[in-house]
Amino acid sequence: MNATLGGRNNLLMRSTLHSTTKTRVVVPLVWRSSSSTLLTRVRAAPDEEETRQEQKVQQDDEPVWVRRERERELMAKEGSKDLPFGVYLLFSAMVAIAAIGSIFEYANKNPIFDVIYPDSPFYAPILGVFAITGVPTAGYLFYKAVSSANAEAERMDKLDGY
């Protein structure tokens, strides 16, 4: 708040954000010391919110398929950084099955693909690598699948105007 004192008048300027129109309103309030009348004058000042709303209205006038085509063109220029979430989910499931399966193979002493038998020196290290690295890898791939799905949902919400 800015206050200016001058002679018998006390002038107080107040700037507020109007709730329904989202415009900045400057309200000079004038008190006269000789009487108890309060004069109020309202003047709307241009604000960034107005320009953002105008851009949004202009963007809302476009059909959905035009916005989606523009988004596809932008994605083609930038290139996709991530795989689709379904691919991450599929790999996560396969790695998790392999990791848990290798634990069962070791516990039951079954040969690995009927090639490496339990008496081989490579039996425990191969199954150990699958079991120890498979579970965290499956968890990471599942995390990437969820993150990718959330990013895609956000992109679609943005295209739909939400």
N, C-alpha and C. Protein backbone atom coordinates (compact mmCIF):
# COMPACT_ATOMS: atom_id res chain seq x y z
N MET A 1 0.84 -1.17 0.00
CA MET A 1 0.00 0.00 0.00
C MET A 1 0.88 1.23 0.00
N ASN A 2 0.44 2.19 -0.80
CA ASN A 2 1.14 3.46 -0.85
C ASN A 2 0.25 4.53 -0.24
N ALA A 3 0.79 5.35 0.62
CA ALA A 3 0.03 6.43 1.25
C ALA A 3 0.69 7.75 0.92
N THR A 4 -0.11 8.74 0.54
CA THR A 4 0.40 10.06 0.25
C THR A 4 -0.39 11.06 1.07
N LEU A 5 0.28 11.89 1.81
CA LEU A 5 -0.37 12.92 2.61
C LEU A 5 -0.23 14.24 1.89
N GLY A 6 -1.32 14.96 1.77
CA GLY A 6 -1.24 16.25 1.12
C GLY A 6 -2.29 17.20 1.67
N GLY A 7 -1.87 18.24 2.32
CA GLY A 7 -2.78 19.24 2.87
C GLY A 7 -3.73 18.61 3.85
N ARG A 8 -5.03 18.82 3.61
CA ARG A 8 -6.03 18.29 4.52
C ARG A 8 -6.49 16.89 4.09
N ASN A 9 -6.04 16.41 2.91
CA ASN A 9 -6.51 15.12 2.38
C ASN A 9 -5.50 14.02 2.64
N ASN A 10 -5.99 12.86 2.91
CA ASN A 10 -5.17 11.68 3.08
C ASN A 10 -5.55 10.72 1.95
N LEU A 11 -4.65 10.47 0.98
CA LEU A 11 -4.93 9.63 -0.18
C LEU A 11 -4.25 8.28 0.00
N LEU A 12 -5.02 7.23 -0.14
CA LEU A 12 -4.50 5.88 0.03
C LEU A 12 -4.83 5.08 -1.23
N MET A 13 -3.81 4.51 -1.89
CA MET A 13 -4.02 3.70 -3.10
C MET A 13 -3.97 2.24 -2.71
N ARG A 14 -4.92 1.46 -3.20
CA ARG A 14 -4.95 0.04 -2.90
C ARG A 14 -5.11 -0.72 -4.21
N SER A 15 -4.30 -1.75 -4.41
CA SER A 15 -4.36 -2.56 -5.63
C SER A 15 -4.76 -3.97 -5.23
N THR A 16 -5.84 -4.47 -5.82
CA THR A 16 -6.31 -5.82 -5.51
C THR A 16 -6.57 -6.58 -6.80
N LEU A 17 -6.68 -7.87 -6.68
CA LEU A 17 -6.98 -8.73 -7.81
C LEU A 17 -8.45 -9.11 -7.73
N HIS A 18 -9.22 -8.72 -8.75
CA HIS A 18 -10.65 -9.00 -8.78
C HIS A 18 -10.85 -10.50 -8.96
N SER A 19 -11.71 -11.11 -8.15
CA SER A 19 -11.82 -12.56 -8.11
C SER A 19 -12.52 -13.15 -9.33
N THR A 20 -13.54 -12.50 -9.87
CA THR A 20 -14.29 -13.12 -10.96
C THR A 20 -13.68 -12.83 -12.33
N THR A 21 -13.17 -11.62 -12.54
CA THR A 21 -12.62 -11.29 -13.85
C THR A 21 -11.11 -11.45 -13.91
N LYS A 22 -10.47 -11.72 -12.81
CA LYS A 22 -9.03 -11.91 -12.73
C LYS A 22 -8.24 -10.72 -13.29
N THR A 23 -8.74 -9.51 -13.05
CA THR A 23 -8.02 -8.32 -13.48
C THR A 23 -7.54 -7.55 -12.26
N ARG A 24 -6.49 -6.82 -12.43
CA ARG A 24 -5.92 -6.02 -11.35
C ARG A 24 -6.73 -4.74 -11.26
N VAL A 25 -7.20 -4.42 -10.08
CA VAL A 25 -8.03 -3.24 -9.86
C VAL A 25 -7.27 -2.30 -8.92
N VAL A 26 -7.12 -1.05 -9.35
CA VAL A 26 -6.47 -0.03 -8.53
C VAL A 26 -7.56 0.85 -7.95
N VAL A 27 -7.62 0.91 -6.64
CA VAL A 27 -8.67 1.64 -5.96
C VAL A 27 -8.05 2.78 -5.16
N PRO A 28 -8.20 4.02 -5.64
CA PRO A 28 -7.76 5.14 -4.80
C PRO A 28 -8.86 5.49 -3.79
N LEU A 29 -8.51 5.50 -2.56
CA LEU A 29 -9.45 5.84 -1.50
C LEU A 29 -9.09 7.23 -0.98
N VAL A 30 -10.09 8.10 -0.87
CA VAL A 30 -9.83 9.47 -0.42
C VAL A 30 -10.63 9.72 0.85
N TRP A 31 -9.96 10.11 1.92
CA TRP A 31 -10.62 10.50 3.16
C TRP A 31 -10.48 12.00 3.33
N ARG A 32 -11.52 12.60 3.66
CA ARG A 32 -11.45 14.03 3.94
C ARG A 32 -11.50 14.19 5.46
N SER A 33 -10.58 14.95 5.97
CA SER A 33 -10.51 15.09 7.42
C SER A 33 -11.67 15.90 7.99
N SER A 34 -12.30 16.78 7.16
CA SER A 34 -13.38 17.60 7.67
C SER A 34 -14.70 16.84 7.72
N SER A 35 -14.87 15.83 6.90
CA SER A 35 -16.12 15.06 6.92
C SER A 35 -15.79 13.58 6.90
N SER A 36 -16.80 12.78 7.14
CA SER A 36 -16.57 11.33 7.19
C SER A 36 -16.98 10.65 5.90
N THR A 37 -16.99 11.37 4.77
CA THR A 37 -17.36 10.74 3.49
C THR A 37 -16.16 10.02 2.90
N LEU A 38 -16.47 8.96 2.23
CA LEU A 38 -15.44 8.14 1.61
C LEU A 38 -15.72 8.08 0.12
N LEU A 39 -14.79 8.57 -0.69
CA LEU A 39 -14.96 8.54 -2.14
C LEU A 39 -14.14 7.37 -2.69
N THR A 40 -14.77 6.57 -3.53
CA THR A 40 -14.09 5.40 -4.09
C THR A 40 -14.21 5.45 -5.61
N ARG A 41 -13.09 5.27 -6.27
CA ARG A 41 -13.06 5.23 -7.71
C ARG A 41 -12.35 3.94 -8.12
N VAL A 42 -12.92 3.20 -9.04
CA VAL A 42 -12.35 1.92 -9.46
C VAL A 42 -11.89 2.05 -10.90
N ARG A 43 -10.66 1.62 -11.15
CA ARG A 43 -10.10 1.65 -12.49
C ARG A 43 -9.37 0.33 -12.71
N ALA A 44 -9.69 -0.38 -13.78
CA ALA A 44 -9.04 -1.66 -14.08
C ALA A 44 -7.74 -1.39 -14.81
N ALA A 45 -6.69 -2.02 -14.35
CA ALA A 45 -5.38 -1.89 -14.99
C ALA A 45 -5.12 -3.15 -15.81
N PRO A 46 -4.44 -3.01 -16.95
CA PRO A 46 -4.14 -4.22 -17.74
C PRO A 46 -3.22 -5.15 -16.96
N ASP A 47 -3.43 -6.43 -17.12
CA ASP A 47 -2.68 -7.41 -16.35
C ASP A 47 -2.30 -8.57 -17.27
N GLU A 48 -1.35 -9.34 -16.83
CA GLU A 48 -0.91 -10.51 -17.60
C GLU A 48 -2.00 -11.56 -17.66
N GLU A 49 -2.86 -11.59 -16.66
CA GLU A 49 -3.93 -12.58 -16.64
C GLU A 49 -4.87 -12.40 -17.84
N GLU A 50 -5.13 -11.14 -18.22
CA GLU A 50 -6.00 -10.89 -19.36
C GLU A 50 -5.41 -11.47 -20.63
N THR A 51 -4.11 -11.25 -20.85
CA THR A 51 -3.49 -11.76 -22.07
C THR A 51 -3.46 -13.29 -22.07
N ARG A 52 -3.24 -13.89 -20.91
CA ARG A 52 -3.27 -15.35 -20.83
C ARG A 52 -4.66 -15.88 -21.13
N GLN A 53 -5.68 -15.20 -20.63
CA GLN A 53 -7.05 -15.64 -20.89
C GLN A 53 -7.40 -15.50 -22.36
N GLU A 54 -6.94 -14.41 -23.00
CA GLU A 54 -7.19 -14.24 -24.42
C GLU A 54 -6.52 -15.33 -25.23
N GLN A 55 -5.29 -15.71 -24.88
CA GLN A 55 -4.61 -16.79 -25.57
C GLN A 55 -5.33 -18.11 -25.36
N LYS A 56 -5.82 -18.34 -24.16
CA LYS A 56 -6.54 -19.58 -23.87
C LYS A 56 -7.85 -19.64 -24.66
N VAL A 57 -8.56 -18.50 -24.75
CA VAL A 57 -9.80 -18.47 -25.53
C VAL A 57 -9.50 -18.74 -26.99
N GLN A 58 -8.42 -18.14 -27.49
CA GLN A 58 -8.03 -18.36 -28.87
C GLN A 58 -7.67 -19.82 -29.09
N GLN A 59 -6.99 -20.43 -28.14
CA GLN A 59 -6.61 -21.83 -28.24
C GLN A 59 -7.84 -22.73 -28.11
N ASP A 60 -8.82 -22.32 -27.30
CA ASP A 60 -10.04 -23.11 -27.13
C ASP A 60 -10.90 -23.10 -28.38
N ASP A 61 -10.75 -22.09 -29.23
CA ASP A 61 -11.55 -22.02 -30.44
C ASP A 61 -11.13 -23.07 -31.46
N GLU A 62 -9.91 -23.59 -31.36
CA GLU A 62 -9.44 -24.61 -32.29
C GLU A 62 -10.08 -25.95 -31.97
N PRO A 63 -10.41 -26.71 -33.00
CA PRO A 63 -10.93 -28.06 -32.74
C PRO A 63 -9.85 -28.95 -32.11
N VAL A 64 -10.30 -30.00 -31.46
CA VAL A 64 -9.39 -30.88 -30.74
C VAL A 64 -8.41 -31.53 -31.71
N TRP A 65 -8.88 -31.95 -32.88
CA TRP A 65 -8.00 -32.65 -33.81
C TRP A 65 -6.90 -31.74 -34.34
N VAL A 66 -7.14 -30.42 -34.44
CA VAL A 66 -6.10 -29.50 -34.88
C VAL A 66 -5.02 -29.38 -33.80
N ARG A 67 -5.45 -29.29 -32.53
CA ARG A 67 -4.48 -29.23 -31.43
C ARG A 67 -3.65 -30.50 -31.37
N ARG A 68 -4.30 -31.66 -31.57
CA ARG A 68 -3.57 -32.93 -31.52
C ARG A 68 -2.57 -33.03 -32.66
N GLU A 69 -2.93 -32.57 -33.85
CA GLU A 69 -2.00 -32.57 -34.98
C GLU A 69 -0.79 -31.68 -34.69
N ARG A 70 -1.04 -30.51 -34.10
CA ARG A 70 0.06 -29.61 -33.74
C ARG A 70 0.97 -30.27 -32.71
N GLU A 71 0.36 -30.97 -31.74
CA GLU A 71 1.15 -31.66 -30.71
C GLU A 71 1.97 -32.78 -31.32
N ARG A 72 1.40 -33.52 -32.27
CA ARG A 72 2.15 -34.59 -32.95
C ARG A 72 3.34 -34.03 -33.71
N GLU A 73 3.13 -32.89 -34.37
CA GLU A 73 4.23 -32.26 -35.11
C GLU A 73 5.35 -31.85 -34.16
N LEU A 74 4.97 -31.30 -33.00
CA LEU A 74 5.99 -30.92 -32.02
C LEU A 74 6.73 -32.14 -31.49
N MET A 75 5.99 -33.23 -31.24
CA MET A 75 6.63 -34.45 -30.76
C MET A 75 7.57 -35.03 -31.82
N ALA A 76 7.20 -34.92 -33.09
CA ALA A 76 8.05 -35.43 -34.16
C ALA A 76 9.34 -34.61 -34.27
N LYS A 77 9.23 -33.30 -34.07
CA LYS A 77 10.42 -32.45 -34.12
C LYS A 77 11.36 -32.74 -32.95
N GLU A 78 10.78 -32.86 -31.75
CA GLU A 78 11.59 -33.08 -30.55
C GLU A 78 12.12 -34.50 -30.48
N GLY A 79 11.35 -35.43 -30.95
CA GLY A 79 11.73 -36.84 -30.81
C GLY A 79 11.26 -37.36 -29.46
N SER A 80 10.89 -38.62 -29.43
CA SER A 80 10.39 -39.20 -28.20
C SER A 80 11.56 -39.63 -27.31
N LYS A 81 11.51 -39.23 -26.05
CA LYS A 81 12.58 -39.57 -25.11
C LYS A 81 12.34 -40.92 -24.45
N ASP A 82 11.09 -41.26 -24.28
CA ASP A 82 10.75 -42.49 -23.57
C ASP A 82 10.01 -43.45 -24.49
N LEU A 83 10.06 -44.70 -24.10
CA LEU A 83 9.24 -45.71 -24.77
C LEU A 83 7.80 -45.58 -24.29
N PRO A 84 6.86 -46.13 -25.02
CA PRO A 84 5.48 -46.13 -24.51
C PRO A 84 5.39 -46.91 -23.20
N PHE A 85 4.45 -46.53 -22.36
CA PHE A 85 4.36 -47.13 -21.03
C PHE A 85 4.07 -48.62 -21.09
N GLY A 86 3.39 -49.08 -22.13
CA GLY A 86 3.08 -50.50 -22.26
C GLY A 86 4.33 -51.34 -22.46
N VAL A 87 5.32 -50.79 -23.15
CA VAL A 87 6.58 -51.52 -23.37
C VAL A 87 7.32 -51.67 -22.05
N TYR A 88 7.39 -50.58 -21.28
CA TYR A 88 8.02 -50.67 -19.96
C TYR A 88 7.31 -51.68 -19.07
N LEU A 89 6.00 -51.68 -19.11
CA LEU A 89 5.22 -52.60 -18.29
C LEU A 89 5.45 -54.05 -18.72
N LEU A 90 5.50 -54.28 -20.01
CA LEU A 90 5.75 -55.63 -20.53
C LEU A 90 7.14 -56.12 -20.10
N PHE A 91 8.15 -55.29 -20.27
CA PHE A 91 9.51 -55.68 -19.87
C PHE A 91 9.60 -55.89 -18.36
N SER A 92 8.91 -55.07 -17.60
CA SER A 92 8.90 -55.22 -16.15
C SER A 92 8.32 -56.58 -15.76
N ALA A 93 7.22 -56.96 -16.38
CA ALA A 93 6.60 -58.25 -16.06
C ALA A 93 7.51 -59.41 -16.46
N MET A 94 8.14 -59.31 -17.62
CA MET A 94 9.02 -60.40 -18.06
C MET A 94 10.23 -60.54 -17.14
N VAL A 95 10.82 -59.44 -16.75
CA VAL A 95 11.99 -59.49 -15.87
C VAL A 95 11.59 -60.01 -14.49
N ALA A 96 10.45 -59.60 -13.99
CA ALA A 96 9.99 -60.09 -12.68
C ALA A 96 9.74 -61.59 -12.72
N ILE A 97 9.12 -62.08 -13.78
CA ILE A 97 8.88 -63.52 -13.90
C ILE A 97 10.19 -64.28 -13.98
N ALA A 98 11.16 -63.75 -14.74
CA ALA A 98 12.46 -64.42 -14.84
C ALA A 98 13.19 -64.43 -13.50
N ALA A 99 13.11 -63.34 -12.77
CA ALA A 99 13.80 -63.26 -11.48
C ALA A 99 13.19 -64.23 -10.47
N ILE A 100 11.88 -64.24 -10.36
CA ILE A 100 11.22 -65.15 -9.42
C ILE A 100 11.39 -66.60 -9.87
N GLY A 101 11.33 -66.82 -11.18
CA GLY A 101 11.55 -68.18 -11.71
C GLY A 101 12.94 -68.69 -11.40
N SER A 102 13.94 -67.83 -11.47
CA SER A 102 15.30 -68.27 -11.17
C SER A 102 15.45 -68.64 -9.69
N ILE A 103 14.72 -67.97 -8.82
CA ILE A 103 14.73 -68.33 -7.40
C ILE A 103 14.14 -69.73 -7.21
N PHE A 104 13.02 -69.99 -7.89
CA PHE A 104 12.41 -71.33 -7.81
C PHE A 104 13.31 -72.40 -8.43
N GLU A 105 13.98 -72.06 -9.52
CA GLU A 105 14.89 -73.02 -10.16
C GLU A 105 16.03 -73.38 -9.20
N TYR A 106 16.55 -72.40 -8.51
CA TYR A 106 17.64 -72.67 -7.58
C TYR A 106 17.16 -73.49 -6.38
N ALA A 107 15.97 -73.16 -5.90
CA ALA A 107 15.44 -73.88 -4.73
C ALA A 107 15.12 -75.34 -5.06
N ASN A 108 14.63 -75.60 -6.26
CA ASN A 108 14.25 -76.97 -6.66
C ASN A 108 15.38 -77.73 -7.35
N LYS A 109 16.50 -77.07 -7.60
CA LYS A 109 17.66 -77.67 -8.25
C LYS A 109 17.31 -78.23 -9.63
N ASN A 110 16.49 -77.50 -10.37
CA ASN A 110 16.17 -77.89 -11.75
C ASN A 110 17.25 -77.34 -12.68
N PRO A 111 17.56 -78.05 -13.77
CA PRO A 111 18.56 -77.53 -14.71
C PRO A 111 18.03 -76.29 -15.44
N ILE A 112 18.95 -75.41 -15.80
CA ILE A 112 18.60 -74.19 -16.53
C ILE A 112 18.47 -74.55 -18.00
N PHE A 113 17.26 -74.51 -18.53
CA PHE A 113 16.95 -74.85 -19.93
C PHE A 113 17.52 -76.20 -20.35
N ASP A 114 17.65 -77.11 -19.41
CA ASP A 114 18.23 -78.45 -19.66
C ASP A 114 19.62 -78.37 -20.27
N VAL A 115 20.32 -77.29 -20.02
CA VAL A 115 21.69 -77.11 -20.53
C VAL A 115 22.68 -77.08 -19.38
N ILE A 116 22.41 -76.30 -18.36
CA ILE A 116 23.32 -76.18 -17.23
C ILE A 116 22.66 -76.88 -16.04
N TYR A 117 23.30 -77.94 -15.57
CA TYR A 117 22.75 -78.75 -14.50
C TYR A 117 23.22 -78.22 -13.14
N PRO A 118 22.54 -78.61 -12.05
CA PRO A 118 22.88 -78.08 -10.72
C PRO A 118 24.30 -78.37 -10.26
N ASP A 119 24.95 -79.40 -10.82
CA ASP A 119 26.32 -79.70 -10.39
C ASP A 119 27.36 -78.87 -11.14
N SER A 120 26.95 -78.02 -12.06
CA SER A 120 27.86 -77.16 -12.80
C SER A 120 28.28 -75.97 -11.93
N PRO A 121 29.54 -75.51 -12.06
CA PRO A 121 29.99 -74.35 -11.28
C PRO A 121 29.31 -73.04 -11.72
N PHE A 122 28.68 -73.04 -12.88
CA PHE A 122 28.02 -71.82 -13.38
C PHE A 122 26.56 -71.72 -12.95
N TYR A 123 26.01 -72.79 -12.35
CA TYR A 123 24.60 -72.85 -12.01
C TYR A 123 24.20 -71.76 -11.01
N ALA A 124 24.86 -71.68 -9.89
CA ALA A 124 24.51 -70.71 -8.85
C ALA A 124 24.79 -69.27 -9.27
N PRO A 125 25.94 -68.98 -9.92
CA PRO A 125 26.16 -67.57 -10.32
C PRO A 125 25.14 -67.06 -11.35
N ILE A 126 24.76 -67.92 -12.29
CA ILE A 126 23.80 -67.48 -13.32
C ILE A 126 22.45 -67.18 -12.68
N LEU A 127 21.96 -68.11 -11.86
CA LEU A 127 20.67 -67.89 -11.21
C LEU A 127 20.75 -66.74 -10.19
N GLY A 128 21.89 -66.60 -9.53
CA GLY A 128 22.06 -65.50 -8.58
C GLY A 128 22.00 -64.14 -9.25
N VAL A 129 22.64 -64.04 -10.42
CA VAL A 129 22.60 -62.77 -11.15
C VAL A 129 21.17 -62.44 -11.56
N PHE A 130 20.45 -63.45 -12.07
CA PHE A 130 19.05 -63.21 -12.45
C PHE A 130 18.20 -62.81 -11.25
N ALA A 131 18.38 -63.50 -10.14
CA ALA A 131 17.54 -63.23 -8.97
C ALA A 131 17.88 -61.88 -8.31
N ILE A 132 19.17 -61.58 -8.17
CA ILE A 132 19.58 -60.36 -7.46
C ILE A 132 19.35 -59.11 -8.30
N THR A 133 19.63 -59.18 -9.58
CA THR A 133 19.45 -57.98 -10.41
C THR A 133 18.06 -57.88 -11.02
N GLY A 134 17.34 -58.99 -11.09
CA GLY A 134 16.03 -58.98 -11.75
C GLY A 134 14.96 -58.26 -10.99
N VAL A 135 14.90 -58.44 -9.69
CA VAL A 135 13.84 -57.81 -8.90
C VAL A 135 13.97 -56.28 -8.89
N PRO A 136 15.16 -55.71 -8.63
CA PRO A 136 15.25 -54.24 -8.70
C PRO A 136 15.02 -53.70 -10.12
N THR A 137 15.49 -54.44 -11.12
CA THR A 137 15.28 -54.00 -12.50
C THR A 137 13.80 -53.99 -12.84
N ALA A 138 13.08 -55.00 -12.41
CA ALA A 138 11.63 -55.05 -12.64
C ALA A 138 10.94 -53.89 -11.92
N GLY A 139 11.38 -53.57 -10.73
CA GLY A 139 10.80 -52.44 -10.00
C GLY A 139 11.07 -51.12 -10.70
N TYR A 140 12.29 -50.95 -11.21
CA TYR A 140 12.62 -49.72 -11.93
C TYR A 140 11.80 -49.61 -13.22
N LEU A 141 11.67 -50.70 -13.95
CA LEU A 141 10.89 -50.67 -15.17
C LEU A 141 9.41 -50.38 -14.88
N PHE A 142 8.90 -50.91 -13.78
CA PHE A 142 7.53 -50.61 -13.40
C PHE A 142 7.38 -49.13 -13.06
N TYR A 143 8.36 -48.57 -12.35
CA TYR A 143 8.35 -47.14 -12.04
C TYR A 143 8.35 -46.31 -13.32
N LYS A 144 9.18 -46.69 -14.29
CA LYS A 144 9.24 -45.98 -15.57
C LYS A 144 7.92 -46.09 -16.31
N ALA A 145 7.26 -47.26 -16.22
CA ALA A 145 5.96 -47.44 -16.88
C ALA A 145 4.92 -46.49 -16.28
N VAL A 146 4.89 -46.39 -14.97
CA VAL A 146 3.93 -45.51 -14.31
C VAL A 146 4.25 -44.05 -14.62
N SER A 147 5.51 -43.67 -14.61
CA SER A 147 5.90 -42.30 -14.93
C SER A 147 5.55 -41.94 -16.37
N SER A 148 5.80 -42.86 -17.27
CA SER A 148 5.47 -42.62 -18.67
C SER A 148 3.97 -42.52 -18.88
N ALA A 149 3.19 -43.35 -18.20
CA ALA A 149 1.73 -43.29 -18.30
C ALA A 149 1.21 -41.97 -17.73
N ASN A 150 1.77 -41.50 -16.62
CA ASN A 150 1.36 -40.22 -16.05
C ASN A 150 1.70 -39.06 -16.98
N ALA A 151 2.88 -39.11 -17.60
CA ALA A 151 3.27 -38.06 -18.54
C ALA A 151 2.33 -38.05 -19.75
N GLU A 152 1.96 -39.21 -20.23
CA GLU A 152 1.02 -39.29 -21.36
C GLU A 152 -0.35 -38.77 -20.95
N ALA A 153 -0.79 -39.09 -19.75
CA ALA A 153 -2.09 -38.60 -19.27
C ALA A 153 -2.07 -37.07 -19.13
N GLU A 154 -0.98 -36.52 -18.63
CA GLU A 154 -0.85 -35.06 -18.52
C GLU A 154 -0.87 -34.41 -19.90
N ARG A 155 -0.20 -35.03 -20.85
CA ARG A 155 -0.18 -34.49 -22.21
C ARG A 155 -1.57 -34.51 -22.81
N MET A 156 -2.30 -35.59 -22.62
CA MET A 156 -3.66 -35.68 -23.16
C MET A 156 -4.60 -34.70 -22.45
N ASP A 157 -4.43 -34.50 -21.14
CA ASP A 157 -5.24 -33.53 -20.42
C ASP A 157 -4.97 -32.12 -20.93
N LYS A 158 -3.71 -31.84 -21.23
CA LYS A 158 -3.33 -30.54 -21.76
C LYS A 158 -3.97 -30.32 -23.13
N LEU A 159 -3.96 -31.36 -23.96
CA LEU A 159 -4.58 -31.24 -25.28
C LEU A 159 -6.09 -31.05 -25.18
N ASP A 160 -6.70 -31.69 -24.21
CA ASP A 160 -8.15 -31.59 -24.04
C ASP A 160 -8.56 -30.33 -23.29
N GLY A 161 -7.60 -29.59 -22.77
CA GLY A 161 -7.91 -28.32 -22.13
C GLY A 161 -8.17 -28.39 -20.65
N TYR A 162 -7.75 -29.43 -19.99
CA TYR A 162 -7.96 -29.54 -18.54
C TYR A 162 -6.76 -29.09 -17.78
